[in-house]
Protein backbone atom coordinates (compact mmCIF):
# COMPACT_ATOMS: atom_id res chain seq x y z
CA MET A 1 119.95 -35.98 111.80
CA ALA A 2 119.46 -34.89 115.39
CA ALA A 3 116.08 -35.48 116.97
CA ALA A 4 113.96 -32.51 118.00
CA ALA A 5 114.30 -31.43 121.62
CA ASP A 6 112.25 -33.65 123.89
CA ARG A 7 108.92 -32.00 124.62
CA ASP A 8 108.16 -34.23 127.63
CA THR A 9 110.93 -32.97 129.88
CA LYS A 10 112.33 -29.96 127.95
CA ARG A 11 115.70 -31.67 128.05
CA PRO A 12 118.26 -30.73 125.41
CA VAL A 13 118.82 -33.02 122.47
CA ARG A 14 121.24 -35.84 123.17
CA MET A 15 122.89 -38.35 120.89
CA SER A 16 121.25 -41.59 122.02
CA VAL A 17 119.63 -43.27 125.00
CA TRP A 18 122.26 -45.98 124.53
CA LEU A 19 125.08 -43.48 125.08
CA ASP A 20 123.90 -41.27 127.92
CA GLY A 21 120.36 -42.23 128.91
CA LYS A 22 119.05 -44.78 131.36
CA ALA A 23 119.56 -47.59 128.84
CA ALA A 24 123.29 -46.90 129.23
CA SER A 25 122.96 -47.37 132.99
CA SER A 26 123.31 -50.77 134.63
CA ARG A 27 120.35 -50.01 136.90
CA GLY A 28 117.99 -48.41 134.40
CA ARG A 29 116.03 -46.36 136.97
CA ARG A 30 116.37 -43.37 139.23
CA ALA A 31 118.39 -43.84 142.39
CA GLY A 32 116.52 -44.17 145.65
CA GLY A 33 112.96 -45.22 146.47
CA ASP A 34 110.93 -48.25 145.36
CA HIS A 35 110.13 -48.89 141.75
CA PRO A 36 106.55 -49.77 140.72
CA SER A 37 105.75 -53.44 141.32
CA GLY A 38 106.03 -55.63 138.24
CA LEU A 39 107.36 -52.83 136.06
CA ASP A 40 110.68 -53.01 134.25
CA ARG A 41 112.20 -51.54 131.11
CA ASN A 42 111.58 -54.65 129.02
CA ARG A 43 107.90 -54.67 129.87
CA ILE A 44 107.67 -50.94 129.13
CA THR A 45 109.42 -51.38 125.79
CA GLU A 46 107.18 -54.30 124.78
CA ALA A 47 104.08 -52.26 125.60
CA THR A 48 105.49 -49.34 123.59
CA VAL A 49 105.91 -51.56 120.52
CA ARG A 50 102.36 -52.89 120.90
CA LEU A 51 100.91 -49.39 121.13
CA LEU A 52 102.91 -48.13 118.17
CA ASP A 53 101.70 -51.09 116.10
CA ALA A 54 98.09 -50.54 117.13
CA GLU A 55 97.85 -46.76 117.05
CA GLY A 56 100.92 -45.35 115.31
CA ALA A 57 103.50 -42.86 116.51
CA GLU A 58 101.12 -39.91 116.13
CA LYS A 59 98.92 -41.00 119.05
CA PHE A 60 101.70 -42.36 121.24
CA SER A 61 102.37 -40.56 124.53
CA MET A 62 103.73 -41.28 127.99
CA ARG A 63 100.21 -40.95 129.41
CA ARG A 64 98.79 -43.39 126.87
CA LEU A 65 101.53 -45.89 127.68
CA ALA A 66 101.01 -45.47 131.42
CA ALA A 67 97.29 -46.19 130.99
CA GLU A 68 98.14 -49.32 128.99
CA LEU A 69 100.40 -50.53 131.82
CA ASN A 70 97.98 -49.37 134.54
CA VAL A 71 100.60 -47.19 136.23
CA THR A 72 101.12 -43.47 136.61
CA ALA A 73 103.03 -41.59 133.92
CA MET A 74 105.59 -40.55 136.53
CA SER A 75 106.35 -44.23 137.20
CA LEU A 76 107.75 -44.54 133.69
CA TYR A 77 110.41 -41.94 134.43
CA TRP A 78 112.13 -44.38 136.77
CA TYR A 79 113.20 -46.25 133.64
CA VAL A 80 113.37 -43.67 130.85
CA ASP A 81 113.94 -39.95 130.71
CA SER A 82 111.60 -39.12 127.85
CA LYS A 83 109.23 -40.20 125.12
CA ASP A 84 112.16 -40.10 122.70
CA ASP A 85 113.94 -42.70 124.85
CA LEU A 86 110.94 -44.99 124.55
CA LEU A 87 110.80 -44.61 120.79
CA GLU A 88 114.50 -45.41 120.50
CA LEU A 89 114.15 -48.44 122.76
CA ALA A 90 111.14 -49.65 120.76
CA SER A 91 113.05 -49.22 117.51
CA ASP A 92 115.88 -51.40 118.75
CA ALA A 93 113.47 -54.01 120.14
CA ALA A 94 111.76 -54.26 116.75
CA ALA A 95 115.11 -54.65 114.98
CA GLY A 96 115.68 -57.77 117.07
CA GLU A 97 112.92 -59.52 115.08
CA VAL A 98 115.12 -59.79 111.98
CA ARG A 99 116.74 -63.19 111.61
CA LEU A 100 120.44 -62.69 110.96
CA PRO A 101 122.25 -65.20 108.73
CA ASP A 102 125.66 -66.39 109.90
CA PRO A 103 128.35 -64.87 107.66
CA ASP A 104 130.74 -67.64 108.75
CA ALA A 105 128.40 -70.36 107.54
CA ASP A 106 129.25 -72.30 104.38
CA ALA A 107 126.50 -70.56 102.41
CA ASP A 108 126.42 -68.42 99.29
CA TRP A 109 126.59 -64.72 100.18
CA ARG A 110 123.94 -64.00 97.53
CA ASP A 111 121.38 -66.19 99.26
CA GLN A 112 122.27 -64.76 102.66
CA LEU A 113 122.02 -61.20 101.38
CA ARG A 114 118.60 -61.95 99.88
CA GLU A 115 117.46 -63.50 103.17
CA LEU A 116 118.58 -60.48 105.18
CA ALA A 117 117.05 -58.02 102.71
CA GLN A 118 113.72 -59.85 102.86
CA GLY A 119 113.83 -59.84 106.65
CA TYR A 120 114.50 -56.10 106.77
CA ARG A 121 111.72 -55.43 104.28
CA ALA A 122 109.26 -57.50 106.34
CA LEU A 123 110.27 -55.61 109.49
CA LEU A 124 109.51 -52.22 107.92
CA VAL A 125 106.18 -53.48 106.58
CA ARG A 126 105.20 -55.02 109.90
CA HIS A 127 105.95 -51.82 111.82
CA PRO A 128 105.13 -48.76 109.63
CA TRP A 129 106.08 -46.43 112.51
CA LEU A 130 109.66 -47.70 112.41
CA SER A 131 111.01 -46.19 109.20
CA PRO A 132 110.91 -42.54 110.37
CA LEU A 133 112.76 -43.56 113.54
CA VAL A 134 115.53 -45.26 111.56
CA GLY A 135 116.54 -41.85 110.22
CA ARG A 136 115.92 -40.07 113.49
CA PHE A 137 118.18 -42.00 115.86
CA LEU A 138 121.76 -43.30 115.72
CA ASN A 139 120.64 -46.95 115.86
CA VAL A 140 123.44 -48.10 118.16
CA GLY A 141 121.37 -50.34 120.43
CA PRO A 142 122.29 -54.03 120.66
CA ASN A 143 119.88 -55.25 117.98
CA TRP A 144 120.60 -52.55 115.41
CA SER A 145 124.32 -53.01 116.08
CA ALA A 146 124.07 -56.76 115.49
CA LEU A 147 122.22 -56.13 112.24
CA ALA A 148 124.85 -53.63 111.10
CA VAL A 149 127.70 -56.04 111.87
CA CYS A 150 125.95 -58.82 109.95
CA VAL A 151 125.46 -56.55 106.92
CA GLN A 152 129.08 -55.45 106.96
CA ARG A 153 130.40 -59.01 107.23
CA LEU A 154 128.17 -60.22 104.41
CA ILE A 155 129.37 -57.43 102.12
CA THR A 156 132.96 -58.26 103.04
CA LYS A 157 132.20 -61.90 102.20
CA THR A 158 131.35 -60.89 98.62
CA GLY A 159 135.03 -60.13 97.93
CA MET A 160 134.27 -56.62 96.72
CA ALA A 161 137.09 -54.11 97.19
CA PRO A 162 136.93 -52.40 100.63
CA GLU A 163 136.53 -48.92 99.14
CA ARG A 164 133.35 -50.06 97.38
CA GLN A 165 131.74 -51.97 100.23
CA ALA A 166 130.02 -48.97 101.84
CA GLY A 167 128.43 -48.19 98.50
CA GLY A 168 127.31 -51.81 98.16
CA ILE A 169 125.65 -51.66 101.57
CA ALA A 170 123.91 -48.40 100.66
CA ALA A 171 122.72 -49.73 97.30
CA VAL A 172 121.06 -52.79 98.81
CA PHE A 173 119.78 -51.62 102.16
CA GLN A 174 118.72 -48.10 101.29
CA PHE A 175 116.74 -49.67 98.44
CA VAL A 176 115.14 -52.10 100.90
CA TYR A 177 114.43 -49.24 103.32
CA GLY A 178 112.63 -47.26 100.62
CA PHE A 179 110.75 -50.27 99.28
CA GLY A 180 109.65 -51.49 102.71
CA THR A 181 108.67 -47.99 103.85
CA ILE A 182 106.42 -47.40 100.85
CA GLU A 183 104.90 -50.87 101.14
CA GLY A 184 104.21 -50.47 104.84
CA HIS A 185 102.62 -47.05 104.40
CA PHE A 186 100.48 -48.30 101.50
CA ARG A 187 99.16 -51.14 103.63
CA LYS A 188 98.42 -48.69 106.42
CA ARG A 189 96.59 -46.39 104.00
CA CYS A 190 94.47 -49.28 102.74
CA ALA A 191 93.58 -50.26 106.31
CA GLU A 192 92.61 -46.68 107.13
CA ALA A 193 90.36 -46.67 104.05
CA GLY A 194 88.74 -49.90 105.22
CA MET A 195 89.85 -51.84 102.14
CA GLY A 196 92.20 -54.62 101.24
CA GLN A 197 95.17 -53.80 99.06
CA ASP A 198 93.66 -55.32 95.93
CA GLU A 199 90.37 -53.45 96.26
CA TYR A 200 92.18 -50.18 96.92
CA TYR A 201 94.46 -50.74 93.92
CA THR A 202 91.55 -51.60 91.60
CA ARG A 203 89.61 -48.51 92.63
CA ALA A 204 92.65 -46.28 92.27
CA MET A 205 93.48 -47.62 88.80
CA GLY A 206 89.86 -47.20 87.75
CA ALA A 207 89.83 -43.60 88.92
CA ILE A 208 93.13 -42.82 87.18
CA GLY A 209 91.97 -44.55 83.99
CA GLY A 210 88.97 -42.26 83.85
CA ARG A 211 91.12 -39.13 83.71
CA ALA A 212 92.13 -38.02 80.22
CA ASP A 213 95.01 -35.93 81.58
CA LEU A 214 96.51 -39.05 83.18
CA ALA A 215 96.14 -41.25 80.10
CA PRO A 216 99.83 -40.78 79.08
CA VAL A 217 100.91 -42.15 82.47
CA MET A 218 98.72 -45.22 82.07
CA GLU A 219 99.82 -45.85 78.50
CA ALA A 220 103.52 -45.42 79.26
CA GLY A 221 103.41 -48.09 81.96
CA ARG A 222 100.88 -50.48 80.43
CA GLU A 223 103.37 -52.72 78.61
CA ILE A 224 105.67 -52.91 81.64
CA VAL A 225 102.82 -53.79 83.99
CA GLU A 226 101.41 -56.45 81.66
CA ALA A 227 104.84 -58.01 81.13
CA ARG A 228 105.52 -58.13 84.87
CA GLY A 229 102.24 -59.89 85.63
CA GLY A 230 100.91 -60.77 89.05
CA ALA A 231 97.29 -61.34 90.02
CA THR A 232 97.45 -59.45 93.33
CA VAL A 233 99.22 -56.42 94.73
CA ASP A 234 101.40 -58.70 96.85
CA GLU A 235 102.43 -60.75 93.82
CA MET A 236 103.28 -57.66 91.78
CA ARG A 237 105.24 -56.18 94.64
CA ASP A 238 107.15 -59.40 95.32
CA ARG A 239 108.12 -59.70 91.66
CA ASP A 240 109.38 -56.12 91.59
CA PHE A 241 111.39 -56.62 94.77
CA THR A 242 112.97 -59.84 93.53
CA VAL A 243 114.01 -58.34 90.20
CA ALA A 244 115.37 -55.17 91.81
CA LEU A 245 117.37 -57.15 94.36
CA ASP A 246 118.73 -59.43 91.63
CA LEU A 247 119.88 -56.36 89.71
CA LEU A 248 121.66 -54.98 92.77
CA ILE A 249 123.37 -58.30 93.48
CA ALA A 250 124.44 -58.51 89.83
CA GLY A 251 125.94 -55.05 90.25
CA ILE A 252 127.92 -56.22 93.27
CA GLU A 253 129.11 -59.28 91.33
CA ALA A 254 130.34 -56.99 88.56
CA GLN A 255 132.54 -55.16 91.11
CA ILE A 256 134.28 -58.29 92.38
CA PRO A 257 137.84 -58.66 91.06
CA ARG A 258 138.18 -61.69 88.80
């Protein structure tokens, strides 16, 4: 999906900062003149990630970032063309936090796939602002590209037929994307309400339990919830994730020629 036209500079939509923006340039800043002392694209990107973590994408702006770096907003345009460029650079920087297993290592692909899935989930939870950007940009920066190559090589390692491998990737990592996105947003909602996850969950269940019109929902899920167990929201969520991932891996195993 193409991103909306950049409101900072009124520039037309482009494919990616990695294809035709300053990130694709070896210099990374406008030609001519002196660049602000101590400022570079890495420092700008790191500050962008910090601000997004602290305040979310809704409050992020070039002016806010400039104030954080103690420079003028115009100084930032030596290194990036727009706010969209910064968001795309921050997205790729965050992706670099995921530890990538070595597909060439003498390790079971199931364990490596679980490790990578857990790392991707943790990334989405740690940075709730990231999931909308994953669908907004092409994700062709160096860190997203390395992650994609690792995923593809791990799926190839399973021995599944080539025509089914794209579906295997989608099954696992679109599931993780959805799971991690919901988890991250729930944590953010709890923080905004000034509560921990367990307190928020207890209050919500109490409120739902007091509604006669919602009684069928509670009753339908009671046996499942009790059987799953888990004393905290984190425990319940981890159990669900583990079972779901095991089911997906079992599905991949079923597709491998014997």
